Amino acid sequence: MSQQLIPMPSDSQAVRDKHGKVTDRQADLVDTLLQTGSTITKAAEDIGANRTWAVSTLKKQHVRAYARDMADVMLGGHALRALATMGDLLSAKSAYLRKEAATDILDRYGLGRDDGVVHAPPVQVNIRID
């Protein structure tokens, strides 16, 4: 089964430039994992490396920082697409889809259904023992 590649966002090069300590091969491993969602073993094979190297590479702090930043960039792009999809669903022919999209958007904005839980402000209790 071939993996579908998720396109890298246009600002991914800026993330790459920010992490100068990450080698091209380390970046290729992280990018392959993020783009394909494959296993570490498969991603390592795809870039011509072995699993042992990939596992040890992914434990390195600078590689983990690069992976976090790159994931943030990729998820940000997908979040915008998801929001646009929800907006499109508000105009769907199906009343059920329109209602579900509206409910979801309102819930996420904090104006949706009341969950029945009363959210009280935090309370500080001081106990003094003399």
N, C-alpha and C. Protein backbone atom coordinates (compact mmCIF):
# COMPACT_ATOMS: atom_id res chain seq x y z
N MET A 1 0.85 -1.18 0.00
CA MET A 1 0.00 0.00 0.00
C MET A 1 0.89 1.24 0.00
N SER A 2 0.69 2.12 -0.95
CA SER A 2 1.53 3.33 -1.00
C SER A 2 0.94 4.40 -0.11
N GLN A 3 1.83 5.18 0.46
CA GLN A 3 1.42 6.25 1.36
C GLN A 3 1.15 7.50 0.55
N GLN A 4 0.08 8.19 0.87
CA GLN A 4 -0.21 9.46 0.22
C GLN A 4 0.58 10.54 0.93
N LEU A 5 1.30 11.33 0.15
CA LEU A 5 2.09 12.41 0.74
C LEU A 5 1.22 13.62 1.01
N ILE A 6 1.38 14.14 2.21
CA ILE A 6 0.73 15.40 2.58
C ILE A 6 1.69 16.50 2.17
N PRO A 7 1.26 17.46 1.37
CA PRO A 7 2.19 18.51 0.93
C PRO A 7 2.74 19.31 2.10
N MET A 8 4.02 19.65 2.00
CA MET A 8 4.65 20.48 3.02
C MET A 8 4.20 21.91 2.81
N PRO A 9 3.86 22.61 3.88
CA PRO A 9 3.44 24.01 3.76
C PRO A 9 4.57 24.89 3.23
N SER A 10 4.19 26.01 2.66
CA SER A 10 5.19 26.90 2.08
C SER A 10 6.16 27.46 3.11
N ASP A 11 5.72 27.61 4.36
CA ASP A 11 6.61 28.16 5.39
C ASP A 11 7.44 27.10 6.10
N SER A 12 7.46 25.88 5.56
CA SER A 12 8.26 24.81 6.18
C SER A 12 9.76 25.10 6.06
N GLN A 13 10.17 25.81 5.01
CA GLN A 13 11.59 26.14 4.86
C GLN A 13 12.03 27.08 5.97
N ALA A 14 11.16 27.95 6.41
CA ALA A 14 11.51 28.86 7.52
C ALA A 14 11.74 28.06 8.80
N VAL A 15 10.95 27.01 9.02
CA VAL A 15 11.15 26.14 10.18
C VAL A 15 12.48 25.43 10.05
N ARG A 16 12.78 24.96 8.86
CA ARG A 16 14.05 24.26 8.61
C ARG A 16 15.23 25.20 8.87
N ASP A 17 15.13 26.42 8.42
CA ASP A 17 16.21 27.39 8.62
C ASP A 17 16.40 27.74 10.09
N LYS A 18 15.32 27.74 10.85
CA LYS A 18 15.37 28.06 12.28
C LYS A 18 16.14 27.01 13.07
N HIS A 19 16.13 25.78 12.59
CA HIS A 19 16.76 24.66 13.29
C HIS A 19 18.05 24.26 12.56
N GLY A 20 19.05 25.10 12.68
CA GLY A 20 20.31 24.89 11.97
C GLY A 20 21.08 23.65 12.40
N LYS A 21 20.84 23.17 13.60
CA LYS A 21 21.56 22.00 14.10
C LYS A 21 21.03 20.70 13.48
N VAL A 22 19.83 20.73 12.94
CA VAL A 22 19.23 19.54 12.33
C VAL A 22 19.86 19.32 10.96
N THR A 23 20.38 18.12 10.75
CA THR A 23 20.99 17.79 9.46
C THR A 23 19.90 17.54 8.42
N ASP A 24 20.30 17.54 7.15
CA ASP A 24 19.33 17.28 6.08
C ASP A 24 18.70 15.90 6.24
N ARG A 25 19.50 14.93 6.62
CA ARG A 25 18.99 13.57 6.77
C ARG A 25 18.00 13.48 7.94
N GLN A 26 18.30 14.17 9.04
CA GLN A 26 17.38 14.19 10.17
C GLN A 26 16.06 14.87 9.78
N ALA A 27 16.18 15.98 9.06
CA ALA A 27 14.98 16.69 8.59
C ALA A 27 14.18 15.81 7.64
N ASP A 28 14.87 15.07 6.76
CA ASP A 28 14.17 14.18 5.84
C ASP A 28 13.37 13.12 6.59
N LEU A 29 13.96 12.58 7.67
CA LEU A 29 13.25 11.58 8.46
C LEU A 29 11.98 12.17 9.07
N VAL A 30 12.10 13.32 9.71
CA VAL A 30 10.95 13.96 10.34
C VAL A 30 9.90 14.32 9.29
N ASP A 31 10.35 14.91 8.18
CA ASP A 31 9.42 15.31 7.13
C ASP A 31 8.69 14.11 6.55
N THR A 32 9.40 13.00 6.37
CA THR A 32 8.77 11.78 5.85
C THR A 32 7.72 11.25 6.81
N LEU A 33 8.04 11.25 8.10
CA LEU A 33 7.07 10.80 9.10
C LEU A 33 5.83 11.68 9.08
N LEU A 34 6.03 12.99 9.01
CA LEU A 34 4.89 13.92 9.03
C LEU A 34 4.08 13.85 7.74
N GLN A 35 4.75 13.67 6.62
CA GLN A 35 4.05 13.66 5.34
C GLN A 35 3.29 12.37 5.09
N THR A 36 3.83 11.25 5.54
CA THR A 36 3.22 9.96 5.21
C THR A 36 2.44 9.36 6.36
N GLY A 37 2.80 9.72 7.59
CA GLY A 37 2.17 9.09 8.74
C GLY A 37 2.57 7.64 8.89
N SER A 38 3.67 7.27 8.26
CA SER A 38 4.12 5.88 8.31
C SER A 38 4.85 5.57 9.61
N THR A 39 5.27 4.33 9.73
CA THR A 39 6.02 3.92 10.91
C THR A 39 7.45 4.45 10.82
N ILE A 40 8.14 4.42 11.95
CA ILE A 40 9.55 4.85 11.95
C ILE A 40 10.37 3.97 11.02
N THR A 41 10.12 2.67 11.05
CA THR A 41 10.85 1.73 10.20
C THR A 41 10.67 2.07 8.73
N LYS A 42 9.41 2.28 8.32
CA LYS A 42 9.11 2.59 6.91
C LYS A 42 9.71 3.94 6.51
N ALA A 43 9.60 4.94 7.38
CA ALA A 43 10.17 6.25 7.07
C ALA A 43 11.69 6.16 6.92
N ALA A 44 12.33 5.38 7.80
CA ALA A 44 13.78 5.20 7.71
C ALA A 44 14.15 4.53 6.39
N GLU A 45 13.42 3.49 6.01
CA GLU A 45 13.68 2.81 4.74
C GLU A 45 13.50 3.77 3.57
N ASP A 46 12.47 4.60 3.63
CA ASP A 46 12.19 5.55 2.55
C ASP A 46 13.33 6.52 2.30
N ILE A 47 14.08 6.85 3.36
CA ILE A 47 15.20 7.79 3.17
C ILE A 47 16.54 7.07 3.12
N GLY A 48 16.52 5.73 3.08
CA GLY A 48 17.76 4.96 2.98
C GLY A 48 18.51 4.81 4.28
N ALA A 49 17.79 4.79 5.39
CA ALA A 49 18.41 4.66 6.71
C ALA A 49 17.85 3.41 7.39
N ASN A 50 18.41 3.08 8.55
CA ASN A 50 17.87 1.94 9.28
C ASN A 50 17.08 2.41 10.49
N ARG A 51 16.30 1.50 11.06
CA ARG A 51 15.42 1.82 12.17
C ARG A 51 16.18 2.27 13.41
N THR A 52 17.30 1.63 13.70
CA THR A 52 18.08 1.98 14.89
C THR A 52 18.52 3.44 14.84
N TRP A 53 19.05 3.84 13.69
CA TRP A 53 19.47 5.24 13.52
C TRP A 53 18.26 6.17 13.68
N ALA A 54 17.13 5.80 13.08
CA ALA A 54 15.94 6.65 13.13
C ALA A 54 15.44 6.84 14.56
N VAL A 55 15.40 5.74 15.31
CA VAL A 55 14.92 5.81 16.69
C VAL A 55 15.85 6.70 17.52
N SER A 56 17.16 6.50 17.39
CA SER A 56 18.09 7.32 18.18
C SER A 56 18.04 8.78 17.74
N THR A 57 17.83 9.01 16.45
CA THR A 57 17.72 10.38 15.94
C THR A 57 16.50 11.09 16.51
N LEU A 58 15.39 10.38 16.58
CA LEU A 58 14.14 10.99 17.07
C LEU A 58 14.17 11.26 18.57
N LYS A 59 15.14 10.72 19.27
CA LYS A 59 15.28 10.99 20.70
C LYS A 59 16.09 12.25 20.97
N LYS A 60 16.78 12.75 19.97
CA LYS A 60 17.62 13.93 20.15
C LYS A 60 16.76 15.18 20.31
N GLN A 61 17.15 16.00 21.27
CA GLN A 61 16.35 17.17 21.63
C GLN A 61 16.15 18.13 20.45
N HIS A 62 17.21 18.40 19.70
CA HIS A 62 17.08 19.35 18.59
C HIS A 62 16.19 18.79 17.48
N VAL A 63 16.19 17.48 17.30
CA VAL A 63 15.32 16.87 16.29
C VAL A 63 13.87 16.91 16.77
N ARG A 64 13.67 16.66 18.07
CA ARG A 64 12.32 16.73 18.63
C ARG A 64 11.76 18.15 18.52
N ALA A 65 12.59 19.15 18.75
CA ALA A 65 12.14 20.54 18.64
C ALA A 65 11.74 20.86 17.19
N TYR A 66 12.56 20.37 16.24
CA TYR A 66 12.24 20.56 14.82
C TYR A 66 10.92 19.87 14.48
N ALA A 67 10.75 18.65 14.97
CA ALA A 67 9.52 17.90 14.68
C ALA A 67 8.29 18.61 15.24
N ARG A 68 8.41 19.15 16.45
CA ARG A 68 7.30 19.88 17.06
C ARG A 68 6.94 21.11 16.23
N ASP A 69 7.95 21.88 15.85
CA ASP A 69 7.68 23.10 15.09
C ASP A 69 7.10 22.78 13.71
N MET A 70 7.62 21.74 13.07
CA MET A 70 7.12 21.37 11.75
C MET A 70 5.68 20.84 11.85
N ALA A 71 5.40 20.08 12.90
CA ALA A 71 4.03 19.59 13.10
C ALA A 71 3.07 20.75 13.33
N ASP A 72 3.51 21.75 14.09
CA ASP A 72 2.67 22.93 14.32
C ASP A 72 2.34 23.63 13.00
N VAL A 73 3.34 23.76 12.14
CA VAL A 73 3.13 24.43 10.84
C VAL A 73 2.14 23.61 10.00
N MET A 74 2.35 22.30 9.97
CA MET A 74 1.47 21.45 9.16
C MET A 74 0.04 21.44 9.71
N LEU A 75 -0.10 21.32 11.02
CA LEU A 75 -1.43 21.29 11.62
C LEU A 75 -2.15 22.62 11.45
N GLY A 76 -1.40 23.70 11.50
CA GLY A 76 -2.01 25.02 11.30
C GLY A 76 -2.67 25.12 9.94
N GLY A 77 -2.01 24.61 8.94
CA GLY A 77 -2.58 24.62 7.58
C GLY A 77 -3.82 23.75 7.49
N HIS A 78 -3.78 22.61 8.14
CA HIS A 78 -4.93 21.71 8.11
C HIS A 78 -6.10 22.29 8.91
N ALA A 79 -5.79 22.98 9.99
CA ALA A 79 -6.85 23.58 10.80
C ALA A 79 -7.61 24.63 9.98
N LEU A 80 -6.88 25.39 9.17
CA LEU A 80 -7.54 26.39 8.33
C LEU A 80 -8.43 25.72 7.29
N ARG A 81 -7.95 24.62 6.71
CA ARG A 81 -8.77 23.89 5.73
C ARG A 81 -10.00 23.30 6.40
N ALA A 82 -9.83 22.78 7.64
CA ALA A 82 -10.95 22.21 8.36
C ALA A 82 -11.99 23.28 8.66
N LEU A 83 -11.54 24.45 9.05
CA LEU A 83 -12.45 25.55 9.33
C LEU A 83 -13.21 25.95 8.06
N ALA A 84 -12.51 25.99 6.94
CA ALA A 84 -13.17 26.32 5.67
C ALA A 84 -14.21 25.27 5.32
N THR A 85 -13.90 24.00 5.59
CA THR A 85 -14.85 22.92 5.33
C THR A 85 -16.11 23.10 6.17
N MET A 86 -15.93 23.42 7.46
CA MET A 86 -17.09 23.65 8.33
C MET A 86 -17.92 24.82 7.80
N GLY A 87 -17.24 25.86 7.33
CA GLY A 87 -17.96 27.00 6.75
C GLY A 87 -18.74 26.58 5.52
N ASP A 88 -18.15 25.73 4.68
CA ASP A 88 -18.85 25.23 3.49
C ASP A 88 -20.07 24.41 3.87
N LEU A 89 -19.95 23.63 4.95
CA LEU A 89 -21.06 22.79 5.38
C LEU A 89 -22.25 23.62 5.86
N LEU A 90 -22.00 24.85 6.28
CA LEU A 90 -23.10 25.72 6.67
C LEU A 90 -24.03 26.04 5.51
N SER A 91 -23.53 25.83 4.29
CA SER A 91 -24.33 26.09 3.08
C SER A 91 -24.77 24.80 2.40
N ALA A 92 -24.62 23.67 3.06
CA ALA A 92 -24.97 22.38 2.46
C ALA A 92 -26.47 22.30 2.20
N LYS A 93 -26.85 21.44 1.26
CA LYS A 93 -28.27 21.25 0.95
C LYS A 93 -29.00 20.57 2.11
N SER A 94 -28.31 19.69 2.79
CA SER A 94 -28.92 18.93 3.87
C SER A 94 -29.07 19.79 5.13
N ALA A 95 -30.29 19.87 5.63
CA ALA A 95 -30.54 20.62 6.86
C ALA A 95 -29.78 20.00 8.03
N TYR A 96 -29.66 18.67 8.01
CA TYR A 96 -28.95 17.99 9.09
C TYR A 96 -27.47 18.40 9.10
N LEU A 97 -26.82 18.43 7.93
CA LEU A 97 -25.42 18.84 7.86
C LEU A 97 -25.25 20.29 8.29
N ARG A 98 -26.16 21.17 7.86
CA ARG A 98 -26.08 22.57 8.27
C ARG A 98 -26.19 22.70 9.78
N LYS A 99 -27.14 21.97 10.37
CA LYS A 99 -27.33 22.02 11.82
C LYS A 99 -26.10 21.50 12.56
N GLU A 100 -25.56 20.38 12.12
CA GLU A 100 -24.39 19.80 12.78
C GLU A 100 -23.17 20.73 12.67
N ALA A 101 -22.98 21.33 11.50
CA ALA A 101 -21.86 22.26 11.32
C ALA A 101 -22.03 23.48 12.22
N ALA A 102 -23.24 24.01 12.25
CA ALA A 102 -23.50 25.18 13.09
C ALA A 102 -23.29 24.85 14.57
N THR A 103 -23.80 23.70 14.99
CA THR A 103 -23.64 23.28 16.38
C THR A 103 -22.17 23.13 16.74
N ASP A 104 -21.42 22.49 15.86
CA ASP A 104 -19.99 22.28 16.12
C ASP A 104 -19.24 23.60 16.22
N ILE A 105 -19.52 24.50 15.31
CA ILE A 105 -18.85 25.81 15.32
C ILE A 105 -19.20 26.57 16.60
N LEU A 106 -20.47 26.58 16.95
CA LEU A 106 -20.89 27.28 18.17
C LEU A 106 -20.28 26.66 19.42
N ASP A 107 -20.23 25.32 19.46
CA ASP A 107 -19.60 24.64 20.60
C ASP A 107 -18.15 25.05 20.74
N ARG A 108 -17.44 25.07 19.65
CA ARG A 108 -16.01 25.41 19.70
C ARG A 108 -15.79 26.87 20.05
N TYR A 109 -16.76 27.70 19.73
CA TYR A 109 -16.66 29.12 20.04
C TYR A 109 -17.13 29.42 21.46
N GLY A 110 -17.71 28.43 22.12
CA GLY A 110 -18.16 28.59 23.49
C GLY A 110 -19.61 29.01 23.63
N LEU A 111 -20.34 28.96 22.54
CA LEU A 111 -21.75 29.37 22.58
C LEU A 111 -22.70 28.21 22.34
N GLY A 112 -22.18 27.01 22.41
CA GLY A 112 -23.00 25.83 22.10
C GLY A 112 -23.82 25.35 23.26
N ARG A 113 -24.08 24.07 23.24
CA ARG A 113 -24.92 23.42 24.25
C ARG A 113 -24.34 23.61 25.64
N ASP A 114 -25.24 23.71 26.58
CA ASP A 114 -24.84 23.76 27.99
C ASP A 114 -24.63 22.33 28.43
N ASP A 115 -23.44 22.02 28.93
CA ASP A 115 -23.14 20.65 29.33
C ASP A 115 -23.67 20.33 30.72
N GLY A 116 -24.36 21.27 31.37
CA GLY A 116 -24.94 21.03 32.68
C GLY A 116 -23.96 21.16 33.82
N VAL A 117 -22.71 21.45 33.53
CA VAL A 117 -21.69 21.59 34.56
C VAL A 117 -21.53 23.07 34.88
N VAL A 118 -21.61 23.37 36.14
CA VAL A 118 -21.40 24.76 36.58
C VAL A 118 -19.91 24.95 36.80
N HIS A 119 -19.34 25.87 36.07
CA HIS A 119 -17.91 26.13 36.17
C HIS A 119 -17.69 27.28 37.14
N ALA A 120 -17.27 26.94 38.35
CA ALA A 120 -17.04 27.94 39.38
C ALA A 120 -15.62 28.48 39.26
N PRO A 121 -15.42 29.72 39.67
CA PRO A 121 -14.06 30.26 39.64
C PRO A 121 -13.19 29.51 40.65
N PRO A 122 -11.88 29.48 40.41
CA PRO A 122 -11.00 28.77 41.34
C PRO A 122 -11.04 29.41 42.73
N VAL A 123 -10.91 28.58 43.73
CA VAL A 123 -10.95 29.04 45.11
C VAL A 123 -9.65 28.65 45.79
N GLN A 124 -9.10 29.57 46.55
CA GLN A 124 -7.88 29.28 47.31
C GLN A 124 -8.26 29.13 48.78
N VAL A 125 -7.82 28.04 49.37
CA VAL A 125 -8.10 27.78 50.76
C VAL A 125 -6.78 27.79 51.52
N ASN A 126 -6.69 28.62 52.53
CA ASN A 126 -5.50 28.68 53.36
C ASN A 126 -5.83 28.11 54.73
N ILE A 127 -5.05 27.18 55.19
CA ILE A 127 -5.23 26.59 56.51
C ILE A 127 -4.02 26.93 57.32
N ARG A 128 -4.27 27.53 58.46
CA ARG A 128 -3.18 27.94 59.32
C ARG A 128 -3.23 27.12 60.60
N ILE A 129 -2.17 26.41 60.85
CA ILE A 129 -2.08 25.60 62.07
C ILE A 129 -1.03 26.21 62.96
N ASP A 130 -1.45 26.69 64.12
CA ASP A 130 -0.51 27.32 65.07
C ASP A 130 -0.12 26.36 66.16
